[in-house]
Amino acid sequence: MRAMSFSPRGRRPASRSKTRAMSSSVHGQRTARRSKMQIVESVSTVVAPLALVTAGLGYIGWIRTREFYGYFGLSPSLFSYSPQDYVLRSAPVGFGAILLLGLAGAVLLGLDRVLTRLLEGRGRRETWARRALVGLGATLVLVSLGGAATAASVAVMPPIAGAVLLALGVIVFLRFGAGSQGRVGLLPPAAVGLAVVMLALAGFWATTVYAQTLGVGAAEAIDRNPRSLAVVTVYSRSPLDLAGTNVVASRLLDQDRQWNYRYTGARLLTYSNNRWFLIPEPGSSAYRSSVTVLPDTDAIRVETAVPR
């Protein structure tokens, strides 16, 4: 007679319970890892473009500041601007660039729709027209790069027209050469990648020239008419060699019956890095406005008055 063994009804073996507990624990750990990875990816998708935009604005502000003070013969190393300061100083450039990009985008979108309707459903003619437009885009790219190489050979920044021509050529090249839904591409992937790099180069080029133009333009406006700047009066115990057409020097007694020297009439260009940057001499047909750098020490007192 065989001996029979049995388990109580409803009770499962302990090995199966442990296996299911372990699998549920592993599944929970994987779910937690996935959620953490998703959070990291979400943060990176926001932080990376923001950091890129901030770096771009800082570069634009640095270019504008360099050109503005370089007009007066001053080096950016004389100032203590931080990266945040350069970002803030890029505001005029950024607003104008966004406005111009919006207008250019609207014009290009209108032209794209017109060309798309003209070429739609033309069969072989559409293919040949696309090839012709791709060739036109490549020609514009080569012409713009040739002009840039010529300007770079003499250490001159190419004009902004070259950047516009480069961007237009790349856009036409990609728009009618790259593949899309329902349309076979005419370009290999390497050509598409190179065109994207050229488009980024065009944006960098145009932004640099635009920032330079605004910086020089602002400096020229001050050079022509410095009366919009604040008037500076400097008091000193010892005489200062602060000479200029705008400066009027005088002596006066203070309450302690000691002589002070007063110099008034210079214009305040800026204050930075514990230095006063003054314009004592306006520009002329032969020279630009002169700038005097006055250290901010306890031996002097400076008053400013903004004209109404």
Protein backbone atom coordinates (compact mmCIF):
# COMPACT_ATOMS: atom_id res chain seq x y z
CA MET A 1 0.00 0.00 0.00
CA ARG A 2 1.41 3.33 -1.12
CA ALA A 3 1.93 6.17 1.29
CA MET A 4 0.25 9.33 0.06
CA SER A 5 1.28 12.86 1.02
CA PHE A 6 -0.82 15.93 0.57
CA SER A 7 -0.82 19.62 1.42
CA PRO A 8 -3.65 21.42 3.06
CA ARG A 9 -6.18 22.84 0.56
CA GLY A 10 -5.47 26.41 -0.57
CA ARG A 11 -1.86 26.47 0.60
CA ARG A 12 0.86 26.84 -2.10
CA PRO A 13 4.43 25.64 -1.84
CA ALA A 14 6.77 28.13 -0.21
CA SER A 15 9.20 28.12 -3.19
CA ARG A 16 6.54 29.50 -5.58
CA SER A 17 5.60 32.29 -3.16
CA LYS A 18 9.24 33.34 -2.81
CA THR A 19 9.69 33.34 -6.61
CA ARG A 20 6.67 35.58 -7.15
CA ALA A 21 7.77 37.95 -4.37
CA MET A 22 11.21 38.26 -5.92
CA SER A 23 9.78 38.90 -9.42
CA SER A 24 7.44 41.58 -8.10
CA SER A 25 10.36 43.21 -6.26
CA VAL A 26 12.48 43.23 -9.44
CA HIS A 27 9.55 44.64 -11.43
CA GLY A 28 9.13 47.43 -8.86
CA GLN A 29 12.82 48.31 -9.07
CA ARG A 30 12.67 48.45 -12.87
CA THR A 31 9.61 50.69 -12.72
CA ALA A 32 11.38 53.04 -10.30
CA ARG A 33 14.43 53.17 -12.57
CA ARG A 34 12.27 53.96 -15.58
CA SER A 35 10.51 56.77 -13.74
CA LYS A 36 13.86 58.24 -12.66
CA MET A 37 15.18 57.98 -16.23
CA GLN A 38 12.07 59.74 -17.53
CA ILE A 39 12.53 62.56 -15.01
CA VAL A 40 16.18 62.97 -16.01
CA GLU A 41 15.28 63.01 -19.71
CA SER A 42 12.51 65.57 -19.13
CA VAL A 43 14.85 67.86 -17.19
CA SER A 44 17.61 67.51 -19.80
CA THR A 45 15.23 68.40 -22.63
CA VAL A 46 14.49 71.68 -20.86
CA VAL A 47 17.91 72.50 -19.40
CA ALA A 48 20.02 71.77 -22.51
CA PRO A 49 18.22 74.21 -24.86
CA LEU A 50 18.05 76.81 -22.08
CA ALA A 51 21.79 76.56 -21.48
CA LEU A 52 22.44 76.84 -25.22
CA VAL A 53 20.26 79.95 -25.50
CA THR A 54 21.92 81.52 -22.43
CA ALA A 55 25.38 80.88 -23.87
CA GLY A 56 24.30 82.40 -27.17
CA LEU A 57 22.94 85.52 -25.48
CA GLY A 58 26.13 85.87 -23.46
CA TYR A 59 28.18 85.69 -26.64
CA ILE A 60 25.99 88.31 -28.33
CA GLY A 61 26.29 90.63 -25.33
CA TRP A 62 30.07 90.19 -25.28
CA ILE A 63 30.37 91.02 -29.00
CA ARG A 64 28.20 94.13 -28.65
CA THR A 65 30.14 95.30 -25.56
CA ARG A 66 33.50 94.70 -27.21
CA GLU A 67 32.55 96.68 -30.30
CA PHE A 68 31.00 99.51 -28.27
CA TYR A 69 34.03 100.15 -26.07
CA GLY A 70 36.50 99.20 -28.78
CA TYR A 71 35.20 102.17 -30.77
CA PHE A 72 36.71 104.42 -28.08
CA GLY A 73 39.94 102.40 -27.90
CA LEU A 74 39.02 100.57 -24.69
CA SER A 75 39.63 96.90 -24.03
CA PRO A 76 36.88 94.71 -22.50
CA SER A 77 39.44 93.60 -19.88
CA LEU A 78 39.09 97.03 -18.22
CA PHE A 79 35.55 96.20 -17.17
CA SER A 80 34.29 93.69 -14.63
CA TYR A 81 31.22 92.44 -16.45
CA SER A 82 29.97 89.01 -15.43
CA PRO A 83 28.33 86.46 -17.76
CA GLN A 84 24.95 87.61 -16.42
CA ASP A 85 25.83 91.19 -17.38
CA TYR A 86 26.64 90.12 -20.92
CA VAL A 87 23.32 88.27 -21.15
CA LEU A 88 21.47 91.41 -20.04
CA ARG A 89 23.44 93.59 -22.46
CA SER A 90 22.32 91.34 -25.32
CA ALA A 91 18.66 92.36 -24.90
CA PRO A 92 18.61 94.99 -27.71
CA VAL A 93 20.33 92.56 -30.08
CA GLY A 94 18.07 89.65 -29.16
CA PHE A 95 14.84 91.61 -29.68
CA GLY A 96 15.94 92.88 -33.09
CA ALA A 97 17.16 89.46 -34.17
CA ILE A 98 13.87 87.80 -33.19
CA LEU A 99 11.92 90.43 -35.13
CA LEU A 100 14.06 90.00 -38.24
CA LEU A 101 13.89 86.20 -38.03
CA GLY A 102 10.11 86.37 -37.73
CA LEU A 103 9.83 88.54 -40.84
CA ALA A 104 12.24 86.34 -42.79
CA GLY A 105 10.37 83.21 -41.73
CA ALA A 106 7.05 84.65 -42.89
CA VAL A 107 8.50 85.57 -46.29
CA LEU A 108 10.12 82.15 -46.75
CA LEU A 109 6.93 80.36 -45.71
CA GLY A 110 4.94 82.30 -48.30
CA LEU A 111 7.46 81.54 -51.05
CA ASP A 112 7.54 77.87 -50.06
CA ARG A 113 3.78 77.54 -50.39
CA VAL A 114 3.80 79.22 -53.79
CA LEU A 115 6.57 76.96 -55.13
CA THR A 116 4.97 73.84 -53.64
CA ARG A 117 1.66 74.54 -55.38
CA LEU A 118 3.37 75.25 -58.68
CA LEU A 119 5.35 71.99 -58.57
CA GLU A 120 2.65 69.72 -57.14
CA GLY A 121 1.49 66.92 -59.43
CA ARG A 122 3.92 67.73 -62.27
CA GLY A 123 5.49 64.28 -62.45
CA ARG A 124 8.87 64.39 -64.18
CA ARG A 125 8.76 68.14 -64.36
CA GLU A 126 8.48 68.27 -60.59
CA THR A 127 11.57 66.08 -60.22
CA TRP A 128 13.61 68.20 -62.62
CA ALA A 129 12.40 71.39 -60.98
CA ARG A 130 13.43 70.04 -57.57
CA ARG A 131 16.87 69.17 -58.92
CA ALA A 132 17.22 72.66 -60.37
CA LEU A 133 16.27 74.24 -57.04
CA VAL A 134 18.73 71.99 -55.20
CA GLY A 135 21.43 73.13 -57.61
CA LEU A 136 20.42 76.75 -57.05
CA GLY A 137 20.70 76.29 -53.28
CA ALA A 138 24.14 74.68 -53.61
CA THR A 139 25.27 77.56 -55.85
CA LEU A 140 24.15 80.15 -53.30
CA VAL A 141 26.02 78.27 -50.56
CA LEU A 142 29.23 78.15 -52.59
CA VAL A 143 29.01 81.83 -53.54
CA SER A 144 28.50 82.91 -49.93
CA LEU A 145 31.33 80.70 -48.66
CA GLY A 146 33.63 82.05 -51.37
CA GLY A 147 32.92 85.62 -50.28
CA ALA A 148 33.48 84.67 -46.65
CA ALA A 149 36.82 83.05 -47.48
CA THR A 150 37.92 86.19 -49.32
CA ALA A 151 37.00 88.40 -46.37
CA ALA A 152 38.65 86.04 -43.89
CA SER A 153 41.91 86.13 -45.83
CA VAL A 154 42.28 89.82 -44.92
CA ALA A 155 41.01 89.34 -41.33
CA VAL A 156 37.70 91.12 -41.98
CA MET A 157 34.30 89.91 -40.82
CA PRO A 158 32.19 89.12 -43.90
CA PRO A 159 29.07 91.27 -44.35
CA ILE A 160 25.70 90.08 -43.11
CA ALA A 161 24.46 89.75 -46.69
CA GLY A 162 26.73 86.71 -47.07
CA ALA A 163 25.13 85.06 -44.04
CA VAL A 164 21.65 85.72 -45.43
CA LEU A 165 22.70 84.25 -48.77
CA LEU A 166 24.16 81.19 -47.06
CA ALA A 167 21.03 80.61 -44.98
CA LEU A 168 18.78 81.03 -48.03
CA GLY A 169 20.87 78.58 -50.06
CA VAL A 170 20.84 75.97 -47.29
CA ILE A 171 17.08 76.28 -46.77
CA VAL A 172 16.38 75.83 -50.50
CA PHE A 173 18.89 72.97 -50.63
CA LEU A 174 17.23 71.12 -47.75
CA ARG A 175 13.63 71.97 -48.60
CA PHE A 176 13.72 70.48 -52.09
CA GLY A 177 16.55 67.97 -51.69
CA ALA A 178 15.75 66.21 -48.43
CA GLY A 179 13.16 63.45 -48.34
CA SER A 180 9.81 63.73 -46.58
CA GLN A 181 6.55 61.82 -46.23
CA GLY A 182 5.46 60.73 -49.68
CA ARG A 183 8.55 62.16 -51.40
CA VAL A 184 11.87 60.51 -52.15
CA GLY A 185 14.93 62.51 -51.13
CA LEU A 186 17.54 63.59 -53.65
CA LEU A 187 20.35 64.00 -51.13
CA PRO A 188 22.39 61.46 -49.15
CA PRO A 189 22.28 61.68 -45.33
CA ALA A 190 25.80 63.11 -45.21
CA ALA A 191 24.78 66.04 -47.41
CA VAL A 192 21.78 66.74 -45.20
CA GLY A 193 23.96 66.75 -42.08
CA LEU A 194 26.50 69.08 -43.70
CA ALA A 195 23.69 71.43 -44.73
CA VAL A 196 22.42 71.58 -41.15
CA VAL A 197 25.93 72.53 -39.97
CA MET A 198 26.04 75.26 -42.65
CA LEU A 199 22.70 76.59 -41.44
CA ALA A 200 24.04 76.85 -37.89
CA LEU A 201 27.12 78.62 -39.28
CA ALA A 202 24.89 81.12 -41.07
CA GLY A 203 23.02 81.88 -37.85
CA PHE A 204 26.27 82.36 -35.93
CA TRP A 205 27.66 84.57 -38.70
CA ALA A 206 24.56 86.77 -38.96
CA THR A 207 24.26 87.16 -35.19
CA THR A 208 27.89 88.20 -34.84
CA VAL A 209 27.69 90.84 -37.57
CA TYR A 210 24.38 92.15 -36.25
CA ALA A 211 25.76 92.50 -32.71
CA GLN A 212 28.84 94.28 -34.06
CA THR A 213 26.68 96.69 -36.04
CA LEU A 214 24.56 97.57 -33.02
CA GLY A 215 27.61 98.06 -30.79
CA VAL A 216 29.37 100.37 -33.23
CA GLY A 217 26.13 102.22 -33.95
CA ALA A 218 25.53 102.94 -30.26
CA ALA A 219 29.11 104.19 -29.86
CA GLU A 220 28.82 106.44 -32.91
CA ALA A 221 25.61 107.97 -31.55
CA ILE A 222 27.39 108.89 -28.30
CA ASP A 223 30.41 110.15 -30.22
CA ARG A 224 28.22 112.49 -32.25
CA ASN A 225 26.19 113.72 -29.31
CA PRO A 226 27.55 112.97 -25.79
CA ARG A 227 25.10 115.47 -24.26
CA SER A 228 22.69 112.63 -23.55
CA LEU A 229 25.15 111.25 -20.95
CA ALA A 230 25.31 112.34 -17.33
CA VAL A 231 27.46 115.38 -16.43
CA VAL A 232 30.24 114.57 -13.95
CA THR A 233 31.75 116.85 -11.30
CA VAL A 234 34.95 115.63 -9.66
CA TYR A 235 36.24 117.03 -6.33
CA SER A 236 39.84 116.36 -5.36
CA ARG A 237 42.31 117.44 -2.67
CA SER A 238 45.14 117.46 -5.18
CA PRO A 239 45.10 118.74 -8.74
CA LEU A 240 44.13 116.29 -11.46
CA ASP A 241 45.25 116.35 -15.05
CA LEU A 242 41.66 116.26 -16.28
CA ALA A 243 41.82 118.48 -19.34
CA GLY A 244 39.32 118.75 -22.14
CA THR A 245 36.98 121.07 -24.00
CA ASN A 246 34.05 119.98 -21.85
CA VAL A 247 35.90 120.34 -18.53
CA VAL A 248 35.91 123.53 -16.44
CA ALA A 249 38.49 123.51 -13.61
CA SER A 250 38.23 125.70 -10.50
CA ARG A 251 39.46 125.98 -6.91
CA LEU A 252 37.34 126.45 -3.81
CA LEU A 253 37.72 126.45 -0.04
CA ASP A 254 35.94 123.89 2.08
CA GLN A 255 34.71 124.27 5.67
CA ASP A 256 38.20 123.47 7.00
CA ARG A 257 39.68 126.33 5.00
CA GLN A 258 41.50 123.90 2.72
CA TRP A 259 41.69 124.22 -1.00
CA ASN A 260 39.78 121.72 -3.14
CA TYR A 261 39.90 121.29 -6.87
CA ARG A 262 36.70 120.94 -8.84
CA TYR A 263 36.40 119.65 -12.41
CA THR A 264 32.98 119.75 -13.99
CA GLY A 265 31.62 119.19 -17.48
CA ALA A 266 32.96 115.76 -18.40
CA ARG A 267 30.43 113.15 -19.51
CA LEU A 268 30.07 109.77 -17.85
CA LEU A 269 30.50 106.93 -20.31
CA THR A 270 30.21 104.19 -17.66
CA TYR A 271 31.35 103.06 -14.21
CA SER A 272 32.85 99.62 -13.83
CA ASN A 273 35.56 97.78 -11.90
CA ASN A 274 36.06 100.71 -9.47
CA ARG A 275 36.80 103.05 -12.36
CA TRP A 276 35.07 106.11 -13.77
CA PHE A 277 35.16 106.27 -17.57
CA LEU A 278 34.75 109.92 -18.55
CA ILE A 279 34.55 111.77 -21.86
CA PRO A 280 36.31 115.11 -21.33
CA GLU A 281 36.86 115.87 -25.01
CA PRO A 282 34.14 115.50 -27.70
CA GLY A 283 34.90 113.97 -31.05
CA SER A 284 36.01 115.92 -34.08
CA SER A 285 36.47 115.35 -37.78
CA ALA A 286 39.96 113.97 -37.10
CA TYR A 287 39.53 112.04 -33.82
CA ARG A 288 36.85 110.24 -31.88
CA SER A 289 35.85 111.31 -28.39
CA SER A 290 38.64 110.84 -25.86
CA VAL A 291 38.05 108.77 -22.74
CA THR A 292 39.75 109.32 -19.37
CA VAL A 293 39.87 106.47 -16.85
CA LEU A 294 39.70 107.79 -13.28
CA PRO A 295 40.24 105.33 -10.39
CA ASP A 296 37.59 105.50 -7.69
CA THR A 297 39.60 106.24 -4.53
CA ASP A 298 39.02 108.04 -1.24
CA ALA A 299 40.99 111.02 -2.55
CA ILE A 300 38.20 112.09 -4.89
CA ARG A 301 34.46 112.63 -4.76
CA VAL A 302 32.28 112.30 -7.83
CA GLU A 303 28.84 113.78 -8.47
CA THR A 304 26.68 113.01 -11.49
CA ALA A 305 23.73 114.93 -12.93
CA VAL A 306 21.53 113.52 -15.67
CA PRO A 307 20.20 116.13 -18.14
CA ARG A 308 16.46 116.41 -18.55
